[in-house]
Amino acid sequence: MNTDRDPNLMALFAQAEQEFDKGSFVAGVMGQINHERRKIQLVWLVLGLFTIACLVALAAPVITAVSMANQLLPVSLVEIQTEWVRQLVSPINSVAAIVAVIVLGVTRFFRRIFR
């Protein structure tokens, strides 16, 4: 067994026994926290500006796609001659009904996989 003391370990214990100024320690920690907070705020600002720029650039195509969907969704799948039957089955006799069923199916599928 070695009775020599490690000088690095002794220096570490000596540092632990030293008194430190609590005020400067708290000020240093708070300064680091504020610096990190400013970095996070800057990142969120850049991401927000990038998102707004993307939305502005894609506004026209998105509006076009929404207007096309508004025209396509109420289209009937099967033409029915009788008015009251057409009104009765209109919720399930449209492209919107097929899209809704597909969205529900995909949602349930992913819930089963990732749950």
PDB file of N, CA and C in Angstrom:
ATOM      1  N   MET A   1       0.828  -1.171   0.000  1.00  0.00           N
ATOM      2  CA  MET A   1       0.000   0.000   0.000  1.00  0.00           C
ATOM      3  C   MET A   1       0.880   1.244   0.000  1.00  0.00           C
ATOM      4  N   ASN A   2       0.496   2.224  -0.796  1.00  0.00           N
ATOM      5  CA  ASN A   2       1.284   3.429  -0.950  1.00  0.00           C
ATOM      6  C   ASN A   2       0.810   4.483   0.038  1.00  0.00           C
ATOM      7  N   THR A   3       1.737   5.060   0.782  1.00  0.00           N
ATOM      8  CA  THR A   3       1.369   6.086   1.760  1.00  0.00           C
ATOM      9  C   THR A   3       1.604   7.497   1.238  1.00  0.00           C
ATOM     10  N   ASP A   4       2.142   7.626   0.005  1.00  0.00           N
ATOM     11  CA  ASP A   4       2.347   8.952  -0.583  1.00  0.00           C
ATOM     12  C   ASP A   4       1.005   9.543  -0.976  1.00  0.00           C
ATOM     13  N   ARG A   5       0.901  10.837  -0.784  1.00  0.00           N
ATOM     14  CA  ARG A   5      -0.346  11.515  -1.119  1.00  0.00           C
ATOM     15  C   ARG A   5      -0.225  12.144  -2.497  1.00  0.00           C
ATOM     16  N   ASP A   6      -1.306  12.041  -3.238  1.00  0.00           N
ATOM     17  CA  ASP A   6      -1.344  12.610  -4.582  1.00  0.00           C
ATOM     18  C   ASP A   6      -1.418  14.128  -4.468  1.00  0.00           C
ATOM     19  N   PRO A   7      -0.508  14.861  -5.107  1.00  0.00           N
ATOM     20  CA  PRO A   7      -0.528  16.326  -4.981  1.00  0.00           C
ATOM     21  C   PRO A   7      -1.759  16.955  -5.641  1.00  0.00           C
ATOM     22  N   ASN A   8      -2.252  16.374  -6.714  1.00  0.00           N
ATOM     23  CA  ASN A   8      -3.457  16.920  -7.357  1.00  0.00           C
ATOM     24  C   ASN A   8      -4.673  16.780  -6.446  1.00  0.00           C
ATOM     25  N   LEU A   9      -4.753  15.639  -5.785  1.00  0.00           N
ATOM     26  CA  LEU A   9      -5.856  15.412  -4.865  1.00  0.00           C
ATOM     27  C   LEU A   9      -5.764  16.348  -3.662  1.00  0.00           C
ATOM     28  N   MET A  10      -4.548  16.576  -3.174  1.00  0.00           N
ATOM     29  CA  MET A  10      -4.371  17.491  -2.043  1.00  0.00           C
ATOM     30  C   MET A  10      -4.732  18.921  -2.449  1.00  0.00           C
ATOM     31  N   ALA A  11      -4.407  19.308  -3.692  1.00  0.00           N
ATOM     32  CA  ALA A  11      -4.758  20.648  -4.163  1.00  0.00           C
ATOM     33  C   ALA A  11      -6.270  20.795  -4.277  1.00  0.00           C
ATOM     34  N   LEU A  12      -6.934  19.728  -4.704  1.00  0.00           N
ATOM     35  CA  LEU A  12      -8.398  19.758  -4.813  1.00  0.00           C
ATOM     36  C   LEU A  12      -9.035  19.947  -3.441  1.00  0.00           C
ATOM     37  N   PHE A  13      -8.525  19.224  -2.432  1.00  0.00           N
ATOM     38  CA  PHE A  13      -9.067  19.387  -1.086  1.00  0.00           C
ATOM     39  C   PHE A  13      -8.769  20.777  -0.534  1.00  0.00           C
ATOM     40  N   ALA A  14      -7.623  21.332  -0.880  1.00  0.00           N
ATOM     41  CA  ALA A  14      -7.277  22.675  -0.416  1.00  0.00           C
ATOM     42  C   ALA A  14      -8.220  23.707  -1.025  1.00  0.00           C
ATOM     43  N   GLN A  15      -8.570  23.536  -2.293  1.00  0.00           N
ATOM     44  CA  GLN A  15      -9.517  24.458  -2.924  1.00  0.00           C
ATOM     45  C   GLN A  15     -10.894  24.356  -2.290  1.00  0.00           C
ATOM     46  N   ALA A  16     -11.293  23.154  -1.899  1.00  0.00           N
ATOM     47  CA  ALA A  16     -12.614  22.965  -1.306  1.00  0.00           C
ATOM     48  C   ALA A  16     -12.710  23.640   0.057  1.00  0.00           C
ATOM     49  N   GLU A  17     -11.589  23.784   0.751  1.00  0.00           N
ATOM     50  CA  GLU A  17     -11.610  24.389   2.081  1.00  0.00           C
ATOM     51  C   GLU A  17     -11.559  25.908   2.045  1.00  0.00           C
ATOM     52  N   GLN A  18     -11.259  26.497   0.897  1.00  0.00           N
ATOM     53  CA  GLN A  18     -11.156  27.949   0.799  1.00  0.00           C
ATOM     54  C   GLN A  18     -12.536  28.580   0.896  1.00  0.00           C
ATOM     55  N   GLU A  19     -12.572  29.748   1.506  1.00  0.00           N
ATOM     56  CA  GLU A  19     -13.799  30.531   1.577  1.00  0.00           C
ATOM     57  C   GLU A  19     -13.952  31.294   0.264  1.00  0.00           C
ATOM     58  N   PHE A  20     -15.150  31.406  -0.205  1.00  0.00           N
ATOM     59  CA  PHE A  20     -15.390  32.190  -1.419  1.00  0.00           C
ATOM     60  C   PHE A  20     -16.467  33.215  -1.143  1.00  0.00           C
ATOM     61  N   ASP A  21     -16.452  34.264  -1.977  1.00  0.00           N
ATOM     62  CA  ASP A  21     -17.400  35.352  -1.825  1.00  0.00           C
ATOM     63  C   ASP A  21     -18.745  34.913  -2.406  1.00  0.00           C
ATOM     64  N   LYS A  22     -19.737  34.818  -1.549  1.00  0.00           N
ATOM     65  CA  LYS A  22     -21.039  34.332  -1.986  1.00  0.00           C
ATOM     66  C   LYS A  22     -21.709  35.290  -2.969  1.00  0.00           C
ATOM     67  N   GLY A  23     -21.536  36.574  -2.774  1.00  0.00           N
ATOM     68  CA  GLY A  23     -22.148  37.560  -3.654  1.00  0.00           C
ATOM     69  C   GLY A  23     -21.628  37.464  -5.075  1.00  0.00           C
ATOM     70  N   SER A  24     -20.311  37.326  -5.227  1.00  0.00           N
ATOM     71  CA  SER A  24     -19.755  37.219  -6.583  1.00  0.00           C
ATOM     72  C   SER A  24     -20.125  35.884  -7.221  1.00  0.00           C
ATOM     73  N   PHE A  25     -20.228  34.837  -6.405  1.00  0.00           N
ATOM     74  CA  PHE A  25     -20.637  33.534  -6.938  1.00  0.00           C
ATOM     75  C   PHE A  25     -22.061  33.609  -7.487  1.00  0.00           C
ATOM     76  N   VAL A  26     -22.975  34.177  -6.713  1.00  0.00           N
ATOM     77  CA  VAL A  26     -24.369  34.306  -7.150  1.00  0.00           C
ATOM     78  C   VAL A  26     -24.455  35.190  -8.386  1.00  0.00           C
ATOM     79  N   ALA A  27     -23.693  36.292  -8.388  1.00  0.00           N
ATOM     80  CA  ALA A  27     -23.704  37.194  -9.547  1.00  0.00           C
ATOM     81  C   ALA A  27     -23.179  36.484 -10.790  1.00  0.00           C
ATOM     82  N   GLY A  28     -22.148  35.671 -10.622  1.00  0.00           N
ATOM     83  CA  GLY A  28     -21.605  34.915 -11.767  1.00  0.00           C
ATOM     84  C   GLY A  28     -22.597  33.906 -12.310  1.00  0.00           C
ATOM     85  N   VAL A  29     -23.251  33.182 -11.417  1.00  0.00           N
ATOM     86  CA  VAL A  29     -24.248  32.195 -11.845  1.00  0.00           C
ATOM     87  C   VAL A  29     -25.417  32.878 -12.541  1.00  0.00           C
ATOM     88  N   MET A  30     -25.896  33.972 -11.979  1.00  0.00           N
ATOM     89  CA  MET A  30     -27.011  34.699 -12.595  1.00  0.00           C
ATOM     90  C   MET A  30     -26.598  35.280 -13.949  1.00  0.00           C
ATOM     91  N   GLY A  31     -25.355  35.726 -14.076  1.00  0.00           N
ATOM     92  CA  GLY A  31     -24.865  36.221 -15.362  1.00  0.00           C
ATOM     93  C   GLY A  31     -24.849  35.124 -16.414  1.00  0.00           C
ATOM     94  N   GLN A  32     -24.423  33.912 -16.033  1.00  0.00           N
ATOM     95  CA  GLN A  32     -24.440  32.785 -16.971  1.00  0.00           C
ATOM     96  C   GLN A  32     -25.858  32.417 -17.369  1.00  0.00           C
ATOM     97  N   ILE A  33     -26.778  32.450 -16.412  1.00  0.00           N
ATOM     98  CA  ILE A  33     -28.181  32.136 -16.709  1.00  0.00           C
ATOM     99  C   ILE A  33     -28.756  33.165 -17.677  1.00  0.00           C
ATOM    100  N   ASN A  34     -28.487  34.441 -17.441  1.00  0.00           N
ATOM    101  CA  ASN A  34     -28.987  35.484 -18.336  1.00  0.00           C
ATOM    102  C   ASN A  34     -28.379  35.367 -19.725  1.00  0.00           C
ATOM    103  N   HIS A  35     -27.104  34.985 -19.798  1.00  0.00           N
ATOM    104  CA  HIS A  35     -26.461  34.791 -21.097  1.00  0.00           C
ATOM    105  C   HIS A  35     -27.126  33.649 -21.868  1.00  0.00           C
ATOM    106  N   GLU A  36     -27.394  32.547 -21.193  1.00  0.00           N
ATOM    107  CA  GLU A  36     -28.069  31.415 -21.844  1.00  0.00           C
ATOM    108  C   GLU A  36     -29.489  31.791 -22.259  1.00  0.00           C
ATOM    109  N   ARG A  37     -30.174  32.561 -21.425  1.00  0.00           N
ATOM    110  CA  ARG A  37     -31.530  32.996 -21.752  1.00  0.00           C
ATOM    111  C   ARG A  37     -31.527  33.875 -23.007  1.00  0.00           C
ATOM    112  N   ARG A  38     -30.556  34.779 -23.114  1.00  0.00           N
ATOM    113  CA  ARG A  38     -30.459  35.625 -24.304  1.00  0.00           C
ATOM    114  C   ARG A  38     -30.160  34.801 -25.553  1.00  0.00           C
ATOM    115  N   LYS A  39     -29.331  33.774 -25.426  1.00  0.00           N
ATOM    116  CA  LYS A  39     -29.046  32.907 -26.574  1.00  0.00           C
ATOM    117  C   LYS A  39     -30.308  32.185 -27.032  1.00  0.00           C
ATOM    118  N   ILE A  40     -31.087  31.683 -26.086  1.00  0.00           N
ATOM    119  CA  ILE A  40     -32.328  30.986 -26.432  1.00  0.00           C
ATOM    120  C   ILE A  40     -33.317  31.944 -27.085  1.00  0.00           C
ATOM    121  N   GLN A  41     -33.430  33.153 -26.555  1.00  0.00           N
ATOM    122  CA  GLN A  41     -34.330  34.143 -27.150  1.00  0.00           C
ATOM    123  C   GLN A  41     -33.893  34.499 -28.567  1.00  0.00           C
ATOM    124  N   LEU A  42     -32.599  34.589 -28.800  1.00  0.00           N
ATOM    125  CA  LEU A  42     -32.094  34.886 -30.138  1.00  0.00           C
ATOM    126  C   LEU A  42     -32.421  33.761 -31.110  1.00  0.00           C
ATOM    127  N   VAL A  43     -32.260  32.520 -30.663  1.00  0.00           N
ATOM    128  CA  VAL A  43     -32.591  31.379 -31.525  1.00  0.00           C
ATOM    129  C   VAL A  43     -34.072  31.380 -31.863  1.00  0.00           C
ATOM    130  N   TRP A  44     -34.934  31.627 -30.882  1.00  0.00           N
ATOM    131  CA  TRP A  44     -36.379  31.667 -31.145  1.00  0.00           C
ATOM    132  C   TRP A  44     -36.740  32.818 -32.076  1.00  0.00           C
ATOM    133  N   LEU A  45     -36.059  33.938 -31.938  1.00  0.00           N
ATOM    134  CA  LEU A  45     -36.307  35.067 -32.822  1.00  0.00           C
ATOM    135  C   LEU A  45     -35.943  34.724 -34.266  1.00  0.00           C
ATOM    136  N   VAL A  46     -34.789  34.099 -34.451  1.00  0.00           N
ATOM    137  CA  VAL A  46     -34.372  33.707 -35.800  1.00  0.00           C
ATOM    138  C   VAL A  46     -35.344  32.686 -36.377  1.00  0.00           C
ATOM    139  N   LEU A  47     -35.743  31.701 -35.586  1.00  0.00           N
ATOM    140  CA  LEU A  47     -36.704  30.701 -36.070  1.00  0.00           C
ATOM    141  C   LEU A  47     -38.048  31.339 -36.412  1.00  0.00           C
ATOM    142  N   GLY A  48     -38.493  32.285 -35.605  1.00  0.00           N
ATOM    143  CA  GLY A  48     -39.749  32.977 -35.883  1.00  0.00           C
ATOM    144  C   GLY A  48     -39.686  33.771 -37.175  1.00  0.00           C
ATOM    145  N   LEU A  49     -38.584  34.493 -37.374  1.00  0.00           N
ATOM    146  CA  LEU A  49     -38.427  35.259 -38.612  1.00  0.00           C
ATOM    147  C   LEU A  49     -38.361  34.342 -39.830  1.00  0.00           C
ATOM    148  N   PHE A  50     -37.674  33.210 -39.689  1.00  0.00           N
ATOM    149  CA  PHE A  50     -37.598  32.244 -40.784  1.00  0.00           C
ATOM    150  C   PHE A  50     -38.977  31.671 -41.099  1.00  0.00           C
ATOM    151  N   THR A  51     -39.746  31.370 -40.062  1.00  0.00           N
ATOM    152  CA  THR A  51     -41.097  30.839 -40.261  1.00  0.00           C
ATOM    153  C   THR A  51     -41.992  31.863 -40.950  1.00  0.00           C
ATOM    154  N   ILE A  52     -41.918  33.100 -40.524  1.00  0.00           N
ATOM    155  CA  ILE A  52     -42.720  34.151 -41.152  1.00  0.00           C
ATOM    156  C   ILE A  52     -42.321  34.321 -42.615  1.00  0.00           C
ATOM    157  N   ALA A  53     -41.015  34.289 -42.897  1.00  0.00           N
ATOM    158  CA  ALA A  53     -40.564  34.418 -44.281  1.00  0.00           C
ATOM    159  C   ALA A  53     -41.073  33.256 -45.137  1.00  0.00           C
ATOM    160  N   CYS A  54     -41.051  32.044 -44.584  1.00  0.00           N
ATOM    161  CA  CYS A  54     -41.573  30.883 -45.323  1.00  0.00           C
ATOM    162  C   CYS A  54     -43.073  31.014 -45.565  1.00  0.00           C
ATOM    163  N   LEU A  55     -43.801  31.471 -44.561  1.00  0.00           N
ATOM    164  CA  LEU A  55     -45.245  31.648 -44.727  1.00  0.00           C
ATOM    165  C   LEU A  55     -45.568  32.704 -45.777  1.00  0.00           C
ATOM    166  N   VAL A  56     -44.802  33.774 -45.801  1.00  0.00           N
ATOM    167  CA  VAL A  56     -45.027  34.821 -46.801  1.00  0.00           C
ATOM    168  C   VAL A  56     -44.709  34.280 -48.195  1.00  0.00           C
ATOM    169  N   ALA A  57     -43.623  33.508 -48.301  1.00  0.00           N
ATOM    170  CA  ALA A  57     -43.240  32.970 -49.607  1.00  0.00           C
ATOM    171  C   ALA A  57     -44.230  31.928 -50.112  1.00  0.00           C
ATOM    172  N   LEU A  58     -44.835  31.182 -49.190  1.00  0.00           N
ATOM    173  CA  LEU A  58     -45.744  30.105 -49.585  1.00  0.00           C
ATOM    174  C   LEU A  58     -47.219  30.495 -49.508  1.00  0.00           C
ATOM    175  N   ALA A  59     -47.522  31.747 -49.254  1.00  0.00           N
ATOM    176  CA  ALA A  59     -48.916  32.161 -49.087  1.00  0.00           C
ATOM    177  C   ALA A  59     -49.743  31.922 -50.340  1.00  0.00           C
ATOM    178  N   ALA A  60     -49.238  32.316 -51.488  1.00  0.00           N
ATOM    179  CA  ALA A  60     -50.009  32.159 -52.729  1.00  0.00           C
ATOM    180  C   ALA A  60     -50.266  30.691 -53.066  1.00  0.00           C
ATOM    181  N   PRO A  61     -49.256  29.796 -53.012  1.00  0.00           N
ATOM    182  CA  PRO A  61     -49.549  28.384 -53.299  1.00  0.00           C
ATOM    183  C   PRO A  61     -50.510  27.755 -52.290  1.00  0.00           C
ATOM    184  N   VAL A  62     -50.404  28.147 -51.026  1.00  0.00           N
ATOM    185  CA  VAL A  62     -51.296  27.581 -50.009  1.00  0.00           C
ATOM    186  C   VAL A  62     -52.729  28.036 -50.252  1.00  0.00           C
ATOM    187  N   ILE A  63     -52.908  29.305 -50.578  1.00  0.00           N
ATOM    188  CA  ILE A  63     -54.254  29.817 -50.855  1.00  0.00           C
ATOM    189  C   ILE A  63     -54.832  29.122 -52.086  1.00  0.00           C
ATOM    190  N   THR A  64     -54.015  28.894 -53.100  1.00  0.00           N
ATOM    191  CA  THR A  64     -54.468  28.185 -54.295  1.00  0.00           C
ATOM    192  C   THR A  64     -54.878  26.760 -53.962  1.00  0.00           C
ATOM    193  N   ALA A  65     -54.080  26.075 -53.140  1.00  0.00           N
ATOM    194  CA  ALA A  65     -54.400  24.696 -52.760  1.00  0.00           C
ATOM    195  C   ALA A  65     -55.684  24.633 -51.944  1.00  0.00           C
ATOM    196  N   VAL A  66     -55.877  25.576 -51.045  1.00  0.00           N
ATOM    197  CA  VAL A  66     -57.100  25.595 -50.227  1.00  0.00           C
ATOM    198  C   VAL A  66     -58.320  25.864 -51.100  1.00  0.00           C
ATOM    199  N   SER A  67     -58.202  26.765 -52.050  1.00  0.00           N
ATOM    200  CA  SER A  67     -59.353  27.035 -52.923  1.00  0.00           C
ATOM    201  C   SER A  67     -59.661  25.838 -53.816  1.00  0.00           C
ATOM    202  N   MET A  68     -58.636  25.128 -54.269  1.00  0.00           N
ATOM    203  CA  MET A  68     -58.877  23.905 -55.057  1.00  0.00           C
ATOM    204  C   MET A  68     -59.547  22.837 -54.204  1.00  0.00           C
ATOM    205  N   ALA A  69     -59.114  22.713 -52.944  1.00  0.00           N
ATOM    206  CA  ALA A  69     -59.732  21.737 -52.053  1.00  0.00           C
ATOM    207  C   ALA A  69     -61.183  22.098 -51.779  1.00  0.00           C
ATOM    208  N   ASN A  70     -61.474  23.378 -51.621  1.00  0.00           N
ATOM    209  CA  ASN A  70     -62.858  23.810 -51.396  1.00  0.00           C
ATOM    210  C   ASN A  70     -63.751  23.488 -52.588  1.00  0.00           C
ATOM    211  N   GLN A  71     -63.194  23.507 -53.769  1.00  0.00           N
ATOM    212  CA  GLN A  71     -63.976  23.164 -54.949  1.00  0.00           C
ATOM    213  C   GLN A  71     -64.109  21.655 -55.110  1.00  0.00           C
ATOM    214  N   LEU A  72     -63.088  20.898 -54.682  1.00  0.00           N
ATOM    215  CA  LEU A  72     -63.087  19.446 -54.907  1.00  0.00           C
ATOM    216  C   LEU A  72     -63.845  18.676 -53.825  1.00  0.00           C
ATOM    217  N   LEU A  73     -63.765  19.085 -52.580  1.00  0.00           N
ATOM    218  CA  LEU A  73     -64.327  18.293 -51.479  1.00  0.00           C
ATOM    219  C   LEU A  73     -65.833  18.057 -51.570  1.00  0.00           C
ATOM    220  N   PRO A  74     -66.657  19.005 -51.975  1.00  0.00           N
ATOM    221  CA  PRO A  74     -68.099  18.718 -52.009  1.00  0.00           C
ATOM    222  C   PRO A  74     -68.566  17.947 -53.242  1.00  0.00           C
ATOM    223  N   VAL A  75     -67.667  17.545 -54.118  1.00  0.00           N
ATOM    224  CA  VAL A  75     -68.065  16.823 -55.336  1.00  0.00           C
ATOM    225  C   VAL A  75     -68.642  15.462 -54.945  1.00  0.00           C
ATOM    226  N   SER A  76     -69.782  15.107 -55.531  1.00  0.00           N
ATOM    227  CA  SER A  76     -70.424  13.821 -55.239  1.00  0.00           C
ATOM    228  C   SER A  76     -69.675  12.690 -55.919  1.00  0.00           C
ATOM    229  N   LEU A  77     -69.623  11.547 -55.256  1.00  0.00           N
ATOM    230  CA  LEU A  77     -68.972  10.375 -55.832  1.00  0.00           C
ATOM    231  C   LEU A  77     -69.907   9.651 -56.795  1.00  0.00           C
ATOM    232  N   VAL A  78     -71.166   9.549 -56.405  1.00  0.00           N
ATOM    233  CA  VAL A  78     -72.173   8.866 -57.219  1.00  0.00           C
ATOM    234  C   VAL A  78     -73.324   9.841 -57.449  1.00  0.00           C
ATOM    235  N   GLU A  79     -73.720  10.006 -58.697  1.00  0.00           N
ATOM    236  CA  GLU A  79     -74.837  10.904 -59.003  1.00  0.00           C
ATOM    237  C   GLU A  79     -76.150  10.200 -58.678  1.00  0.00           C
ATOM    238  N   ILE A  80     -76.996  10.870 -57.893  1.00  0.00           N
ATOM    239  CA  ILE A  80     -78.288  10.324 -57.491  1.00  0.00           C
ATOM    240  C   ILE A  80     -79.356  11.269 -58.021  1.00  0.00           C
ATOM    241  N   GLN A  81     -80.365  10.691 -58.663  1.00  0.00           N
ATOM    242  CA  GLN A  81     -81.393  11.502 -59.310  1.00  0.00           C
ATOM    243  C   GLN A  81     -82.440  12.021 -58.334  1.00  0.00           C
ATOM    244  N   THR A  82     -82.827  11.210 -57.362  1.00  0.00           N
ATOM    245  CA  THR A  82     -83.880  11.601 -56.422  1.00  0.00           C
ATOM    246  C   THR A  82     -83.316  12.585 -55.409  1.00  0.00           C
ATOM    247  N   GLU A  83     -83.999  13.720 -55.268  1.00  0.00           N
ATOM    248  CA  GLU A  83     -83.490  14.819 -54.435  1.00  0.00           C
ATOM    249  C   GLU A  83     -83.387  14.437 -52.961  1.00  0.00           C
ATOM    250  N   TRP A  84     -84.421  13.787 -52.401  1.00  0.00           N
ATOM    251  CA  TRP A  84     -84.398  13.492 -50.973  1.00  0.00           C
ATOM    252  C   TRP A  84     -83.357  12.421 -50.638  1.00  0.00           C
ATOM    253  N   VAL A  85     -83.110  11.476 -51.564  1.00  0.00           N
ATOM    254  CA  VAL A  85     -82.065  10.463 -51.334  1.00  0.00           C
ATOM    255  C   VAL A  85     -80.683  11.126 -51.433  1.00  0.00           C
ATOM    256  N   ARG A  86     -80.547  12.042 -52.377  1.00  0.00           N
ATOM    257  CA  ARG A  86     -79.282  12.762 -52.522  1.00  0.00           C
ATOM    258  C   ARG A  86     -78.971  13.545 -51.247  1.00  0.00           C
ATOM    259  N   GLN A  87     -79.964  14.205 -50.667  1.00  0.00           N
ATOM    260  CA  GLN A  87     -79.766  14.946 -49.423  1.00  0.00           C
ATOM    261  C   GLN A  87     -79.456  14.015 -48.254  1.00  0.00           C
ATOM    262  N   LEU A  88     -80.076  12.842 -48.269  1.00  0.00           N
ATOM    263  CA  LEU A  88     -79.889  11.871 -47.195  1.00  0.00           C
ATOM    264  C   LEU A  88     -78.469  11.303 -47.183  1.00  0.00           C
ATOM    265  N   VAL A  89     -77.922  10.987 -48.344  1.00  0.00           N
ATOM    266  CA  VAL A  89     -76.597  10.352 -48.403  1.00  0.00           C
ATOM    267  C   VAL A  89     -75.474  11.344 -48.709  1.00  0.00           C
ATOM    268  N   SER A  90     -75.771  12.614 -48.778  1.00  0.00           N
ATOM    269  CA  SER A  90     -74.742  13.596 -49.110  1.00  0.00           C
ATOM    270  C   SER A  90     -73.559  13.622 -48.131  1.00  0.00           C
ATOM    271  N   PRO A  91     -73.738  13.363 -46.829  1.00  0.00           N
ATOM    272  CA  PRO A  91     -72.556  13.351 -45.949  1.00  0.00           C
ATOM    273  C   PRO A  91     -71.565  12.239 -46.262  1.00  0.00           C
ATOM    274  N   ILE A  92     -72.044  11.122 -46.817  1.00  0.00           N
ATOM    275  CA  ILE A  92     -71.119  10.032 -47.118  1.00  0.00           C
ATOM    276  C   ILE A  92     -70.859   9.890 -48.613  1.00  0.00           C
ATOM    277  N   ASN A  93     -71.505  10.687 -49.430  1.00  0.00           N
ATOM    278  CA  ASN A  93     -71.360  10.599 -50.876  1.00  0.00           C
ATOM    279  C   ASN A  93     -70.573  11.803 -51.402  1.00  0.00           C
ATOM    280  N   SER A  94     -69.389  12.023 -50.829  1.00  0.00           N
ATOM    281  CA  SER A  94     -68.572  13.139 -51.288  1.00  0.00           C
ATOM    282  C   SER A  94     -67.095  12.803 -51.128  1.00  0.00           C
ATOM    283  N   VAL A  95     -66.280  13.575 -51.782  1.00  0.00           N
ATOM    284  CA  VAL A  95     -64.833  13.395 -51.660  1.00  0.00           C
ATOM    285  C   VAL A  95     -64.395  13.707 -50.232  1.00  0.00           C
ATOM    286  N   ALA A  96     -65.056  14.641 -49.580  1.00  0.00           N
ATOM    287  CA  ALA A  96     -64.712  14.994 -48.200  1.00  0.00           C
ATOM    288  C   ALA A  96     -64.891  13.806 -47.262  1.00  0.00           C
ATOM    289  N   ALA A  97     -65.911  13.000 -47.486  1.00  0.00           N
ATOM    290  CA  ALA A  97     -66.125  11.819 -46.640  1.00  0.00           C
ATOM    291  C   ALA A  97     -64.986  10.821 -46.807  1.00  0.00           C
ATOM    292  N   ILE A  98     -64.543  10.623 -48.035  1.00  0.00           N
ATOM    293  CA  ILE A  98     -63.426   9.703 -48.273  1.00  0.00           C
ATOM    294  C   ILE A  98     -62.154  10.231 -47.616  1.00  0.00           C
ATOM    295  N   VAL A  99     -61.899  11.529 -47.741  1.00  0.00           N
ATOM    296  CA  VAL A  99     -60.718  12.128 -47.107  1.00  0.00           C
ATOM    297  C   VAL A  99     -60.801  11.977 -45.593  1.00  0.00           C
ATOM    298  N   ALA A 100     -61.968  12.198 -45.010  1.00  0.00           N
ATOM    299  CA  ALA A 100     -62.135  12.069 -43.560  1.00  0.00           C
ATOM    300  C   ALA A 100     -61.887  10.639 -43.098  1.00  0.00           C
ATOM    301  N   VAL A 101     -62.392   9.667 -43.838  1.00  0.00           N
ATOM    302  CA  VAL A 101     -62.177   8.262 -43.477  1.00  0.00           C
ATOM    303  C   VAL A 101     -60.694   7.903 -43.567  1.00  0.00           C
ATOM    304  N   ILE A 102     -60.019   8.395 -44.592  1.00  0.00           N
ATOM    305  CA  ILE A 102     -58.585   8.119 -44.739  1.00  0.00           C
ATOM    306  C   ILE A 102     -57.796   8.754 -43.600  1.00  0.00           C
ATOM    307  N   VAL A 103     -58.130   9.986 -43.247  1.00  0.00           N
ATOM    308  CA  VAL A 103     -57.424  10.661 -42.148  1.00  0.00           C
ATOM    309  C   VAL A 103     -57.655   9.928 -40.829  1.00  0.00           C
ATOM    310  N   LEU A 104     -58.885   9.510 -40.574  1.00  0.00           N
ATOM    311  CA  LEU A 104     -59.156   8.751 -39.339  1.00  0.00           C
ATOM    312  C   LEU A 104     -58.399   7.428 -39.323  1.00  0.00           C
ATOM    313  N   GLY A 105     -58.367   6.750 -40.451  1.00  0.00           N
ATOM    314  CA  GLY A 105     -57.643   5.479 -40.526  1.00  0.00           C
ATOM    315  C   GLY A 105     -56.151   5.652 -40.297  1.00  0.00           C
ATOM    316  N   VAL A 106     -55.558   6.661 -40.924  1.00  0.00           N
ATOM    317  CA  VAL A 106     -54.129   6.902 -40.740  1.00  0.00           C
ATOM    318  C   VAL A 106     -53.830   7.297 -39.291  1.00  0.00           C
ATOM    319  N   THR A 107     -54.707   8.102 -38.694  1.00  0.00           N
ATOM    320  CA  THR A 107     -54.512   8.509 -37.304  1.00  0.00           C
ATOM    321  C   THR A 107     -54.553   7.308 -36.371  1.00  0.00           C
ATOM    322  N   ARG A 108     -55.521   6.445 -36.546  1.00  0.00           N
ATOM    323  CA  ARG A 108     -55.600   5.242 -35.703  1.00  0.00           C
ATOM    324  C   ARG A 108     -54.412   4.323 -35.928  1.00  0.00           C
ATOM    325  N   PHE A 109     -53.982   4.211 -37.169  1.00  0.00           N
ATOM    326  CA  PHE A 109     -52.824   3.374 -37.487  1.00  0.00           C
ATOM    327  C   PHE A 109     -51.584   3.875 -36.745  1.00  0.00           C
ATOM    328  N   PHE A 110     -51.322   5.178 -36.802  1.00  0.00           N
ATOM    329  CA  PHE A 110     -50.144   5.715 -36.128  1.00  0.00           C
ATOM    330  C   PHE A 110     -50.285   5.663 -34.618  1.00  0.00           C
ATOM    331  N   ARG A 111     -51.484   5.805 -34.091  1.00  0.00           N
ATOM    332  CA  ARG A 111     -51.665   5.675 -32.642  1.00  0.00           C
ATOM    333  C   ARG A 111     -51.363   4.258 -32.179  1.00  0.00           C
ATOM    334  N   ARG A 112     -51.754   3.276 -32.977  1.00  0.00           N
ATOM    335  CA  ARG A 112     -51.440   1.890 -32.594  1.00  0.00           C
ATOM    336  C   ARG A 112     -49.946   1.611 -32.669  1.00  0.00           C
ATOM    337  N   ILE A 113     -49.300   2.179 -33.642  1.00  0.00           N
ATOM    338  CA  ILE A 113     -47.866   1.929 -33.811  1.00  0.00           C
ATOM    339  C   ILE A 113     -47.070   2.611 -32.701  1.00  0.00           C
ATOM    340  N   PHE A 114     -47.367   3.858 -32.436  1.00  0.00           N
ATOM    341  CA  PHE A 114     -46.537   4.638 -31.500  1.00  0.00           C
ATOM    342  C   PHE A 114     -47.062   4.688 -30.078  1.00  0.00           C
ATOM    343  N   ARG A 115     -48.037   3.887 -29.755  1.00  0.00           N
ATOM    344  CA  ARG A 115     -48.541   3.871 -28.391  1.00  0.00           C
ATOM    345  C   ARG A 115     -48.066   2.692 -27.641  1.00  0.00           C
TER     346      ARG A 115
END
